[in-house]
């Protein structure tokens, strides 16, 4: 996983710089999200793995599927990825781009998995505390995971706060050498 992120980083950075120069962060975000979702299709795997197609032909397949939703710079980006045999990196490129975008927009998506449903009041308090701590605008996404037994697991970018009973029991078992 780290290797894919490393390979994707220069492409994500190039896309981000192009988007920022054009003042079109959201347009690029939408395009990369579309391209990443296309790349996850099982039928596209056949195209990517085909030895009979060169990079330009593979790029044309992506561009044709996306139709008019891509501008010329985005189409050229797809062609560069294809020439370098990096179309398979579209998902990590999109993820890295979103991190760059969130950083410049001073926002972060926070995923909270809790053992029980979190009340709207508590969600608001958590969002305010995280916004203050991270100096970012926070968008919360909550879900219930009963396997946590109690507490919650909070993910904000690459920050993870494990306040779950399951996590604490795992740490205790590790400390005891079990």
C-alpha atoms as a PDB file:
ATOM      1  CA  UNK A   1       0.000   0.000   0.000  1.00  0.00           C
ATOM      2  CA  UNK A   2       2.775   2.436   0.905  1.00  0.00           C
ATOM      3  CA  UNK A   3       4.503   1.635  -2.380  1.00  0.00           C
ATOM      4  CA  UNK A   4       1.375   2.551  -4.390  1.00  0.00           C
ATOM      5  CA  UNK A   5       1.093   5.794  -2.463  1.00  0.00           C
ATOM      6  CA  UNK A   6       4.730   6.573  -3.218  1.00  0.00           C
ATOM      7  CA  UNK A   7       4.265   5.855  -6.921  1.00  0.00           C
ATOM      8  CA  UNK A   8       1.029   7.879  -7.036  1.00  0.00           C
ATOM      9  CA  UNK A   9       2.358  10.947  -5.210  1.00  0.00           C
ATOM     10  CA  UNK A  10       4.117  12.707  -8.136  1.00  0.00           C
ATOM     11  CA  UNK A  11       1.068  12.250 -10.373  1.00  0.00           C
ATOM     12  CA  UNK A  12      -1.283  13.499  -7.675  1.00  0.00           C
ATOM     13  CA  UNK A  13       0.977  16.476  -7.047  1.00  0.00           C
ATOM     14  CA  UNK A  14       1.122  17.298 -10.767  1.00  0.00           C
ATOM     15  CA  UNK A  15      -2.674  17.073 -11.042  1.00  0.00           C
ATOM     16  CA  UNK A  16      -3.061  19.222  -7.942  1.00  0.00           C
ATOM     17  CA  UNK A  17      -0.678  21.900  -9.221  1.00  0.00           C
ATOM     18  CA  UNK A  18      -2.475  21.980 -12.564  1.00  0.00           C
ATOM     19  CA  UNK A  19      -5.843  22.244 -10.817  1.00  0.00           C
ATOM     20  CA  UNK A  20      -4.621  24.995  -8.511  1.00  0.00           C
ATOM     21  CA  UNK A  21      -3.127  27.015 -11.373  1.00  0.00           C
ATOM     22  CA  UNK A  22      -6.403  26.732 -13.279  1.00  0.00           C
ATOM     23  CA  UNK A  23      -8.453  27.501 -10.151  1.00  0.00           C
ATOM     24  CA  UNK A  24     -10.355  24.271 -10.702  1.00  0.00           C
ATOM     25  CA  UNK A  25      -9.734  22.079  -7.651  1.00  0.00           C
ATOM     26  CA  UNK A  26     -13.310  20.785  -7.608  1.00  0.00           C
ATOM     27  CA  UNK A  27     -13.319  20.031 -11.343  1.00  0.00           C
ATOM     28  CA  UNK A  28     -10.140  17.993 -11.022  1.00  0.00           C
ATOM     29  CA  UNK A  29     -11.465  16.316  -7.903  1.00  0.00           C
ATOM     30  CA  UNK A  30     -14.604  15.274  -9.778  1.00  0.00           C
ATOM     31  CA  UNK A  31     -12.589  14.071 -12.785  1.00  0.00           C
ATOM     32  CA  UNK A  32     -10.174  12.031 -10.664  1.00  0.00           C
ATOM     33  CA  UNK A  33     -13.056  10.533  -8.689  1.00  0.00           C
ATOM     34  CA  UNK A  34     -14.695   9.496 -11.966  1.00  0.00           C
ATOM     35  CA  UNK A  35     -11.443   8.062 -13.345  1.00  0.00           C
ATOM     36  CA  UNK A  36     -10.759   6.176 -10.107  1.00  0.00           C
ATOM     37  CA  UNK A  37     -14.243   4.645 -10.138  1.00  0.00           C
ATOM     38  CA  UNK A  38     -13.821   3.639 -13.804  1.00  0.00           C
ATOM     39  CA  UNK A  39     -10.478   2.026 -12.950  1.00  0.00           C
ATOM     40  CA  UNK A  40     -12.191  -0.176 -10.356  1.00  0.00           C
ATOM     41  CA  UNK A  41     -14.464  -1.774 -12.960  1.00  0.00           C
ATOM     42  CA  UNK A  42     -13.765  -5.441 -13.651  1.00  0.00           C
ATOM     43  CA  UNK A  43     -14.067  -4.820 -17.399  1.00  0.00           C
ATOM     44  CA  UNK A  44     -11.367  -2.152 -17.223  1.00  0.00           C
ATOM     45  CA  UNK A  45      -9.029  -4.736 -15.672  1.00  0.00           C
ATOM     46  CA  UNK A  46      -9.220  -6.582 -18.987  1.00  0.00           C
ATOM     47  CA  UNK A  47      -8.168  -3.419 -20.811  1.00  0.00           C
ATOM     48  CA  UNK A  48      -5.336  -2.631 -18.387  1.00  0.00           C
ATOM     49  CA  UNK A  49      -4.006  -6.189 -18.514  1.00  0.00           C
ATOM     50  CA  UNK A  50      -4.297  -6.547 -22.293  1.00  0.00           C
ATOM     51  CA  UNK A  51      -0.918  -7.037 -23.975  1.00  0.00           C
ATOM     52  CA  UNK A  52      -2.572  -6.222 -27.330  1.00  0.00           C
ATOM     53  CA  UNK A  53      -3.232  -2.586 -26.396  1.00  0.00           C
ATOM     54  CA  UNK A  54      -0.565   0.087 -26.104  1.00  0.00           C
ATOM     55  CA  UNK A  55      -0.692   2.948 -23.600  1.00  0.00           C
ATOM     56  CA  UNK A  56      -2.354   5.343 -26.036  1.00  0.00           C
ATOM     57  CA  UNK A  57      -5.146   2.857 -26.780  1.00  0.00           C
ATOM     58  CA  UNK A  58      -5.709   2.214 -23.077  1.00  0.00           C
ATOM     59  CA  UNK A  59      -5.908   5.958 -22.444  1.00  0.00           C
ATOM     60  CA  UNK A  60      -8.438   6.329 -25.259  1.00  0.00           C
ATOM     61  CA  UNK A  61     -10.653   3.693 -23.615  1.00  0.00           C
ATOM     62  CA  UNK A  62     -10.665   5.690 -20.359  1.00  0.00           C
ATOM     63  CA  UNK A  63     -11.278   8.964 -22.182  1.00  0.00           C
ATOM     64  CA  UNK A  64     -14.104   7.455 -24.228  1.00  0.00           C
ATOM     65  CA  UNK A  65     -15.813   6.046 -21.124  1.00  0.00           C
ATOM     66  CA  UNK A  66     -15.619   9.409 -19.349  1.00  0.00           C
ATOM     67  CA  UNK A  67     -16.852  11.259 -22.422  1.00  0.00           C
ATOM     68  CA  UNK A  68     -17.163  15.017 -22.164  1.00  0.00           C
ATOM     69  CA  UNK A  69     -16.632  14.995 -18.395  1.00  0.00           C
ATOM     70  CA  UNK A  70     -12.880  15.454 -18.875  1.00  0.00           C
ATOM     71  CA  UNK A  71     -11.260  18.650 -20.123  1.00  0.00           C
ATOM     72  CA  UNK A  72      -8.165  18.635 -22.348  1.00  0.00           C
ATOM     73  CA  UNK A  73      -5.660  18.801 -19.478  1.00  0.00           C
ATOM     74  CA  UNK A  74      -7.399  15.913 -17.716  1.00  0.00           C
ATOM     75  CA  UNK A  75      -7.356  13.878 -20.936  1.00  0.00           C
ATOM     76  CA  UNK A  76      -3.625  14.598 -21.287  1.00  0.00           C
ATOM     77  CA  UNK A  77      -3.148  13.508 -17.677  1.00  0.00           C
ATOM     78  CA  UNK A  78      -4.782  10.151 -18.500  1.00  0.00           C
ATOM     79  CA  UNK A  79      -2.484   9.815 -21.535  1.00  0.00           C
ATOM     80  CA  UNK A  80       0.621  10.484 -19.404  1.00  0.00           C
ATOM     81  CA  UNK A  81      -0.503   7.870 -16.871  1.00  0.00           C
ATOM     82  CA  UNK A  82      -1.076   5.385 -19.686  1.00  0.00           C
ATOM     83  CA  UNK A  83       2.300   6.093 -21.341  1.00  0.00           C
ATOM     84  CA  UNK A  84       4.007   5.402 -18.017  1.00  0.00           C
ATOM     85  CA  UNK A  85       1.893   2.293 -17.348  1.00  0.00           C
ATOM     86  CA  UNK A  86       0.344   3.954 -14.294  1.00  0.00           C
ATOM     87  CA  UNK A  87      -3.404   3.825 -15.024  1.00  0.00           C
ATOM     88  CA  UNK A  88      -3.674   1.277 -12.226  1.00  0.00           C
ATOM     89  CA  UNK A  89      -2.676   4.045  -9.794  1.00  0.00           C
ATOM     90  CA  UNK A  90      -5.798   6.152 -10.346  1.00  0.00           C
ATOM     91  CA  UNK A  91      -7.305   5.297  -6.958  1.00  0.00           C
ATOM     92  CA  UNK A  92      -4.219   6.282  -4.905  1.00  0.00           C
ATOM     93  CA  UNK A  93      -3.708   9.335  -7.150  1.00  0.00           C
ATOM     94  CA  UNK A  94      -7.273  10.420  -6.404  1.00  0.00           C
ATOM     95  CA  UNK A  95      -6.798   9.802  -2.669  1.00  0.00           C
ATOM     96  CA  UNK A  96      -3.549  11.816  -2.594  1.00  0.00           C
ATOM     97  CA  UNK A  97      -5.165  14.623  -4.596  1.00  0.00           C
ATOM     98  CA  UNK A  98      -8.008  14.803  -2.066  1.00  0.00           C
ATOM     99  CA  UNK A  99      -5.476  15.081   0.774  1.00  0.00           C
ATOM    100  CA  UNK A 100      -3.735  17.981  -0.983  1.00  0.00           C
ATOM    101  CA  UNK A 101      -7.101  19.598  -1.672  1.00  0.00           C
ATOM    102  CA  UNK A 102      -8.283  19.195   1.924  1.00  0.00           C
ATOM    103  CA  UNK A 103      -5.004  20.608   3.208  1.00  0.00           C
ATOM    104  CA  UNK A 104      -5.292  23.768   1.149  1.00  0.00           C
ATOM    105  CA  UNK A 105      -8.991  24.107   1.942  1.00  0.00           C
ATOM    106  CA  UNK A 106      -8.281  23.547   5.643  1.00  0.00           C
ATOM    107  CA  UNK A 107     -10.786  20.713   5.873  1.00  0.00           C
ATOM    108  CA  UNK A 108     -10.660  17.081   6.895  1.00  0.00           C
ATOM    109  CA  UNK A 109     -13.053  14.161   6.622  1.00  0.00           C
ATOM    110  CA  UNK A 110     -13.366  12.297   9.903  1.00  0.00           C
ATOM    111  CA  UNK A 111     -14.687   8.741  10.108  1.00  0.00           C
ATOM    112  CA  UNK A 112     -15.967   7.617  13.490  1.00  0.00           C
ATOM    113  CA  UNK A 113     -16.771   3.986  14.161  1.00  0.00           C
ATOM    114  CA  UNK A 114     -18.533   3.583  17.477  1.00  0.00           C
ATOM    115  CA  UNK A 115     -19.929   0.614  19.337  1.00  0.00           C
ATOM    116  CA  UNK A 116     -23.281   2.413  19.591  1.00  0.00           C
ATOM    117  CA  UNK A 117     -25.136   5.164  17.740  1.00  0.00           C
ATOM    118  CA  UNK A 118     -23.670   8.610  18.516  1.00  0.00           C
ATOM    119  CA  UNK A 119     -26.190  11.333  19.345  1.00  0.00           C
ATOM    120  CA  UNK A 120     -26.184  14.488  17.188  1.00  0.00           C
ATOM    121  CA  UNK A 121     -25.168  16.547  20.235  1.00  0.00           C
ATOM    122  CA  UNK A 122     -22.126  14.367  20.885  1.00  0.00           C
ATOM    123  CA  UNK A 123     -21.242  14.399  17.175  1.00  0.00           C
ATOM    124  CA  UNK A 124     -21.258  18.193  17.280  1.00  0.00           C
ATOM    125  CA  UNK A 125     -19.022  18.260  20.372  1.00  0.00           C
ATOM    126  CA  UNK A 126     -16.585  15.803  18.780  1.00  0.00           C
ATOM    127  CA  UNK A 127     -16.515  17.829  15.556  1.00  0.00           C
ATOM    128  CA  UNK A 128     -15.818  21.044  17.468  1.00  0.00           C
ATOM    129  CA  UNK A 129     -13.039  19.451  19.540  1.00  0.00           C
ATOM    130  CA  UNK A 130     -11.395  17.928  16.444  1.00  0.00           C
ATOM    131  CA  UNK A 131     -11.726  21.184  14.499  1.00  0.00           C
ATOM    132  CA  UNK A 132      -9.926  23.001  17.308  1.00  0.00           C
ATOM    133  CA  UNK A 133      -7.231  20.319  17.694  1.00  0.00           C
ATOM    134  CA  UNK A 134      -6.593  19.864  13.952  1.00  0.00           C
ATOM    135  CA  UNK A 135      -7.187  23.507  12.970  1.00  0.00           C
ATOM    136  CA  UNK A 136      -9.446  22.306  10.168  1.00  0.00           C
ATOM    137  CA  UNK A 137     -13.086  22.324   9.191  1.00  0.00           C
ATOM    138  CA  UNK A 138     -14.356  18.864  10.093  1.00  0.00           C
ATOM    139  CA  UNK A 139     -16.873  16.744   8.189  1.00  0.00           C
ATOM    140  CA  UNK A 140     -18.028  13.766  10.255  1.00  0.00           C
ATOM    141  CA  UNK A 141     -19.066  10.372   8.956  1.00  0.00           C
ATOM    142  CA  UNK A 142     -20.291   7.973  11.638  1.00  0.00           C
ATOM    143  CA  UNK A 143     -20.988   4.263  11.610  1.00  0.00           C
ATOM    144  CA  UNK A 144     -21.764   1.591  14.178  1.00  0.00           C
ATOM    145  CA  UNK A 145     -19.379  -1.336  14.694  1.00  0.00           C
ATOM    146  CA  UNK A 146     -20.563  -3.531  17.557  1.00  0.00           C
ATOM    147  CA  UNK A 147     -17.298  -5.521  17.466  1.00  0.00           C
ATOM    148  CA  UNK A 148     -15.626  -2.550  19.206  1.00  0.00           C
ATOM    149  CA  UNK A 149     -17.525  -3.556  22.387  1.00  0.00           C
ATOM    150  CA  UNK A 150     -17.521   0.054  23.627  1.00  0.00           C
ATOM    151  CA  UNK A 151     -15.950   3.414  22.857  1.00  0.00           C
ATOM    152  CA  UNK A 152     -15.013   4.601  19.388  1.00  0.00           C
ATOM    153  CA  UNK A 153     -12.342   4.536  16.689  1.00  0.00           C
ATOM    154  CA  UNK A 154     -11.721   7.934  15.055  1.00  0.00           C
ATOM    155  CA  UNK A 155      -9.833   8.392  11.778  1.00  0.00           C
ATOM    156  CA  UNK A 156      -8.956  11.894  10.567  1.00  0.00           C
ATOM    157  CA  UNK A 157      -6.606  11.702   7.592  1.00  0.00           C
ATOM    158  CA  UNK A 158      -3.579   9.772   8.828  1.00  0.00           C
ATOM    159  CA  UNK A 159      -4.448  10.410  12.494  1.00  0.00           C
ATOM    160  CA  UNK A 160      -6.114   7.508  14.303  1.00  0.00           C
ATOM    161  CA  UNK A 161      -7.535   7.735  17.812  1.00  0.00           C
ATOM    162  CA  UNK A 162      -8.468   4.319  19.157  1.00  0.00           C
ATOM    163  CA  UNK A 163     -10.682   4.773  22.196  1.00  0.00           C
ATOM    164  CA  UNK A 164     -12.444   1.444  21.749  1.00  0.00           C
ATOM    165  CA  UNK A 165     -12.616  -1.286  24.375  1.00  0.00           C
ATOM    166  CA  UNK A 166     -11.465  -3.753  21.723  1.00  0.00           C
ATOM    167  CA  UNK A 167      -8.367  -1.631  21.041  1.00  0.00           C
ATOM    168  CA  UNK A 168      -7.569  -1.259  24.718  1.00  0.00           C
ATOM    169  CA  UNK A 169      -7.929  -5.013  25.292  1.00  0.00           C
ATOM    170  CA  UNK A 170      -5.574  -5.646  22.352  1.00  0.00           C
ATOM    171  CA  UNK A 171      -2.997  -3.262  23.873  1.00  0.00           C
ATOM    172  CA  UNK A 172      -3.329  -4.964  27.247  1.00  0.00           C
ATOM    173  CA  UNK A 173      -2.863  -8.410  25.680  1.00  0.00           C
ATOM    174  CA  UNK A 174       0.201  -7.127  23.814  1.00  0.00           C
ATOM    175  CA  UNK A 175       1.674  -5.676  27.008  1.00  0.00           C
ATOM    176  CA  UNK A 176       1.114  -8.973  28.794  1.00  0.00           C
ATOM    177  CA  UNK A 177       2.765 -10.876  25.922  1.00  0.00           C
ATOM    178  CA  UNK A 178      -0.355 -12.896  25.207  1.00  0.00           C
END
